[in-house]
Amino acid sequence: MRQVTIHAAKTNLSKLIEAALKGEEIIIAKGSKPVVRIVPISRSGFKIGLLEGQLGSGPDFFEPLADDDLDLWEGGQ
């Protein structure tokens, strides 16, 4: 675990980020009191269509309206 002051963190931020990405624990302190930890964000695999086939069919927004419904939307009687 490496502890650095806020001033040192500002000066060496890119180096500290690289160290955290390599697994080192980085603590930033205000004076001698630890206040934050730099940790890498876990990168989980994002998959498009993860729930495909599990939610059923959605509304048919792009299908044309029946003439009666269209007349109502357009202000007809």
N, C-alpha and C. Protein backbone atom coordinates (compact mmCIF):
# COMPACT_ATOMS: atom_id res chain seq x y z
N MET A 1 0.86 -1.18 0.00
CA MET A 1 0.00 0.00 0.00
C MET A 1 0.90 1.24 0.00
N ARG A 2 0.60 2.14 -0.92
CA ARG A 2 1.34 3.39 -0.99
C ARG A 2 0.39 4.52 -0.63
N GLN A 3 0.87 5.41 0.28
CA GLN A 3 0.08 6.56 0.67
C GLN A 3 0.80 7.82 0.21
N VAL A 4 0.06 8.70 -0.46
CA VAL A 4 0.62 9.95 -0.94
C VAL A 4 -0.27 11.11 -0.52
N THR A 5 0.32 12.29 -0.48
CA THR A 5 -0.46 13.48 -0.14
C THR A 5 -1.23 13.94 -1.37
N ILE A 6 -2.19 14.83 -1.16
CA ILE A 6 -2.98 15.36 -2.27
C ILE A 6 -2.07 16.08 -3.26
N HIS A 7 -1.10 16.85 -2.77
CA HIS A 7 -0.19 17.56 -3.66
C HIS A 7 0.61 16.58 -4.50
N ALA A 8 1.13 15.52 -3.89
CA ALA A 8 1.90 14.52 -4.63
C ALA A 8 1.00 13.78 -5.63
N ALA A 9 -0.26 13.57 -5.27
CA ALA A 9 -1.20 12.90 -6.17
C ALA A 9 -1.47 13.76 -7.39
N LYS A 10 -1.62 15.07 -7.19
CA LYS A 10 -1.83 15.97 -8.32
C LYS A 10 -0.63 15.93 -9.27
N THR A 11 0.55 15.93 -8.70
CA THR A 11 1.78 15.96 -9.49
C THR A 11 2.00 14.65 -10.25
N ASN A 12 1.64 13.52 -9.64
CA ASN A 12 1.96 12.21 -10.20
C ASN A 12 0.74 11.37 -10.52
N LEU A 13 -0.37 12.01 -10.87
CA LEU A 13 -1.62 11.28 -11.05
C LEU A 13 -1.51 10.16 -12.07
N SER A 14 -0.92 10.42 -13.22
CA SER A 14 -0.85 9.38 -14.26
C SER A 14 -0.03 8.19 -13.78
N LYS A 15 1.05 8.42 -13.04
CA LYS A 15 1.86 7.31 -12.50
C LYS A 15 1.07 6.52 -11.46
N LEU A 16 0.32 7.24 -10.64
CA LEU A 16 -0.49 6.56 -9.61
C LEU A 16 -1.59 5.71 -10.24
N ILE A 17 -2.19 6.22 -11.31
CA ILE A 17 -3.22 5.45 -12.00
C ILE A 17 -2.62 4.17 -12.59
N GLU A 18 -1.45 4.28 -13.20
CA GLU A 18 -0.79 3.10 -13.75
C GLU A 18 -0.47 2.09 -12.65
N ALA A 19 -0.02 2.56 -11.52
CA ALA A 19 0.28 1.66 -10.40
C ALA A 19 -0.99 0.96 -9.92
N ALA A 20 -2.09 1.70 -9.84
CA ALA A 20 -3.36 1.09 -9.41
C ALA A 20 -3.83 0.06 -10.42
N LEU A 21 -3.64 0.34 -11.71
CA LEU A 21 -4.04 -0.62 -12.74
C LEU A 21 -3.21 -1.91 -12.66
N LYS A 22 -2.00 -1.81 -12.14
CA LYS A 22 -1.13 -2.99 -11.99
C LYS A 22 -1.41 -3.73 -10.69
N GLY A 23 -2.36 -3.22 -9.89
CA GLY A 23 -2.76 -3.93 -8.68
C GLY A 23 -2.26 -3.31 -7.38
N GLU A 24 -1.51 -2.23 -7.45
CA GLU A 24 -1.01 -1.61 -6.23
C GLU A 24 -2.12 -0.78 -5.59
N GLU A 25 -2.19 -0.81 -4.27
CA GLU A 25 -3.20 -0.03 -3.56
C GLU A 25 -2.64 1.37 -3.32
N ILE A 26 -3.35 2.39 -3.79
CA ILE A 26 -2.91 3.78 -3.67
C ILE A 26 -3.91 4.52 -2.78
N ILE A 27 -3.39 5.11 -1.71
CA ILE A 27 -4.21 5.90 -0.79
C ILE A 27 -3.77 7.35 -0.89
N ILE A 28 -4.74 8.26 -1.01
CA ILE A 28 -4.44 9.68 -1.01
C ILE A 28 -4.85 10.24 0.35
N ALA A 29 -3.91 10.99 0.96
CA ALA A 29 -4.14 11.49 2.31
C ALA A 29 -4.17 13.01 2.32
N LYS A 30 -4.98 13.53 3.21
CA LYS A 30 -5.01 14.97 3.47
C LYS A 30 -4.20 15.16 4.75
N GLY A 31 -2.99 15.65 4.59
CA GLY A 31 -2.06 15.67 5.72
C GLY A 31 -1.61 14.24 5.96
N SER A 32 -1.88 13.73 7.13
CA SER A 32 -1.54 12.32 7.42
C SER A 32 -2.79 11.44 7.50
N LYS A 33 -3.97 12.04 7.26
CA LYS A 33 -5.22 11.29 7.36
C LYS A 33 -5.64 10.76 5.99
N PRO A 34 -5.72 9.43 5.82
CA PRO A 34 -6.17 8.86 4.54
C PRO A 34 -7.62 9.27 4.25
N VAL A 35 -7.86 9.71 2.99
CA VAL A 35 -9.21 10.13 2.65
C VAL A 35 -9.81 9.39 1.45
N VAL A 36 -9.00 9.00 0.47
CA VAL A 36 -9.53 8.28 -0.69
C VAL A 36 -8.55 7.21 -1.15
N ARG A 37 -9.10 6.29 -1.92
CA ARG A 37 -8.29 5.19 -2.48
C ARG A 37 -8.48 5.20 -3.99
N ILE A 38 -7.39 5.03 -4.73
CA ILE A 38 -7.48 4.91 -6.18
C ILE A 38 -7.58 3.42 -6.50
N VAL A 39 -8.66 3.06 -7.17
CA VAL A 39 -8.86 1.66 -7.58
C VAL A 39 -9.28 1.61 -9.04
N PRO A 40 -8.86 0.59 -9.75
CA PRO A 40 -9.30 0.48 -11.15
C PRO A 40 -10.77 0.08 -11.23
N ILE A 41 -11.41 0.51 -12.29
CA ILE A 41 -12.80 0.12 -12.54
C ILE A 41 -12.78 -1.25 -13.19
N SER A 42 -13.55 -2.17 -12.65
CA SER A 42 -13.60 -3.50 -13.25
C SER A 42 -14.29 -3.43 -14.59
N ARG A 43 -13.74 -4.09 -15.54
CA ARG A 43 -14.29 -4.06 -16.90
C ARG A 43 -14.97 -5.39 -17.18
N SER A 44 -16.25 -5.40 -16.96
CA SER A 44 -17.00 -6.60 -17.27
C SER A 44 -17.39 -6.55 -18.75
N GLY A 45 -17.53 -7.69 -19.32
CA GLY A 45 -17.91 -7.73 -20.73
C GLY A 45 -19.34 -7.29 -20.93
N PHE A 46 -19.54 -6.32 -21.78
CA PHE A 46 -20.88 -5.83 -22.09
C PHE A 46 -21.36 -6.57 -23.32
N LYS A 47 -22.51 -7.16 -23.22
CA LYS A 47 -23.05 -7.93 -24.32
C LYS A 47 -24.38 -7.35 -24.76
N ILE A 48 -24.46 -6.97 -26.01
CA ILE A 48 -25.71 -6.47 -26.56
C ILE A 48 -26.64 -7.66 -26.81
N GLY A 49 -27.89 -7.50 -26.48
CA GLY A 49 -28.86 -8.57 -26.69
C GLY A 49 -28.82 -9.63 -25.61
N LEU A 50 -28.38 -9.27 -24.43
CA LEU A 50 -28.25 -10.22 -23.34
C LEU A 50 -29.57 -10.92 -23.01
N LEU A 51 -30.68 -10.19 -23.11
CA LEU A 51 -31.99 -10.74 -22.77
C LEU A 51 -32.82 -11.08 -24.00
N GLU A 52 -32.15 -11.21 -25.13
CA GLU A 52 -32.87 -11.50 -26.37
C GLU A 52 -33.70 -12.78 -26.24
N GLY A 53 -34.96 -12.68 -26.62
CA GLY A 53 -35.84 -13.83 -26.57
C GLY A 53 -36.48 -14.07 -25.21
N GLN A 54 -36.11 -13.29 -24.19
CA GLN A 54 -36.64 -13.50 -22.85
C GLN A 54 -37.72 -12.49 -22.47
N LEU A 55 -37.87 -11.43 -23.24
CA LEU A 55 -38.81 -10.39 -22.86
C LEU A 55 -40.09 -10.38 -23.68
N GLY A 56 -40.19 -11.24 -24.65
CA GLY A 56 -41.38 -11.25 -25.50
C GLY A 56 -41.26 -10.18 -26.56
N SER A 57 -42.31 -10.00 -27.31
CA SER A 57 -42.26 -8.99 -28.38
C SER A 57 -42.72 -7.65 -27.84
N GLY A 58 -42.13 -6.60 -28.36
CA GLY A 58 -42.47 -5.25 -27.94
C GLY A 58 -43.62 -4.71 -28.76
N PRO A 59 -44.01 -3.47 -28.47
CA PRO A 59 -45.10 -2.85 -29.21
C PRO A 59 -44.70 -2.62 -30.66
N ASP A 60 -45.68 -2.58 -31.52
CA ASP A 60 -45.43 -2.41 -32.95
C ASP A 60 -45.57 -0.95 -33.34
N PHE A 61 -44.65 -0.11 -32.86
CA PHE A 61 -44.71 1.33 -33.09
C PHE A 61 -44.64 1.69 -34.57
N PHE A 62 -43.95 0.90 -35.33
CA PHE A 62 -43.70 1.27 -36.71
C PHE A 62 -44.69 0.65 -37.70
N GLU A 63 -45.64 -0.05 -37.19
CA GLU A 63 -46.68 -0.61 -38.05
C GLU A 63 -47.71 0.48 -38.33
N PRO A 64 -48.27 0.52 -39.52
CA PRO A 64 -49.27 1.55 -39.83
C PRO A 64 -50.55 1.34 -39.01
N LEU A 65 -51.19 2.46 -38.67
CA LEU A 65 -52.45 2.41 -37.92
C LEU A 65 -53.59 2.02 -38.86
N ALA A 66 -54.61 1.41 -38.26
CA ALA A 66 -55.82 1.13 -39.02
C ALA A 66 -56.47 2.46 -39.38
N ASP A 67 -57.21 2.51 -40.47
CA ASP A 67 -57.83 3.76 -40.94
C ASP A 67 -58.69 4.42 -39.87
N ASP A 68 -59.45 3.63 -39.12
CA ASP A 68 -60.31 4.20 -38.06
C ASP A 68 -59.46 4.89 -36.99
N ASP A 69 -58.39 4.22 -36.55
CA ASP A 69 -57.51 4.81 -35.54
C ASP A 69 -56.81 6.05 -36.07
N LEU A 70 -56.39 6.01 -37.31
CA LEU A 70 -55.71 7.15 -37.92
C LEU A 70 -56.63 8.36 -37.98
N ASP A 71 -57.89 8.14 -38.32
CA ASP A 71 -58.85 9.23 -38.35
C ASP A 71 -59.01 9.87 -36.98
N LEU A 72 -59.04 9.04 -35.92
CA LEU A 72 -59.17 9.59 -34.57
C LEU A 72 -57.94 10.44 -34.20
N TRP A 73 -56.75 10.01 -34.55
CA TRP A 73 -55.54 10.76 -34.27
C TRP A 73 -55.50 12.08 -35.04
N GLU A 74 -56.03 12.06 -36.23
CA GLU A 74 -56.01 13.25 -37.06
C GLU A 74 -57.19 14.18 -36.81
N GLY A 75 -58.01 13.88 -35.84
CA GLY A 75 -59.11 14.74 -35.47
C GLY A 75 -60.41 14.44 -36.19
N GLY A 76 -60.47 13.36 -36.91
CA GLY A 76 -61.73 13.00 -37.61
C GLY A 76 -62.70 12.35 -36.65
N GLN A 77 -63.89 12.19 -37.08
CA GLN A 77 -64.94 11.59 -36.24
C GLN A 77 -65.17 10.17 -36.62
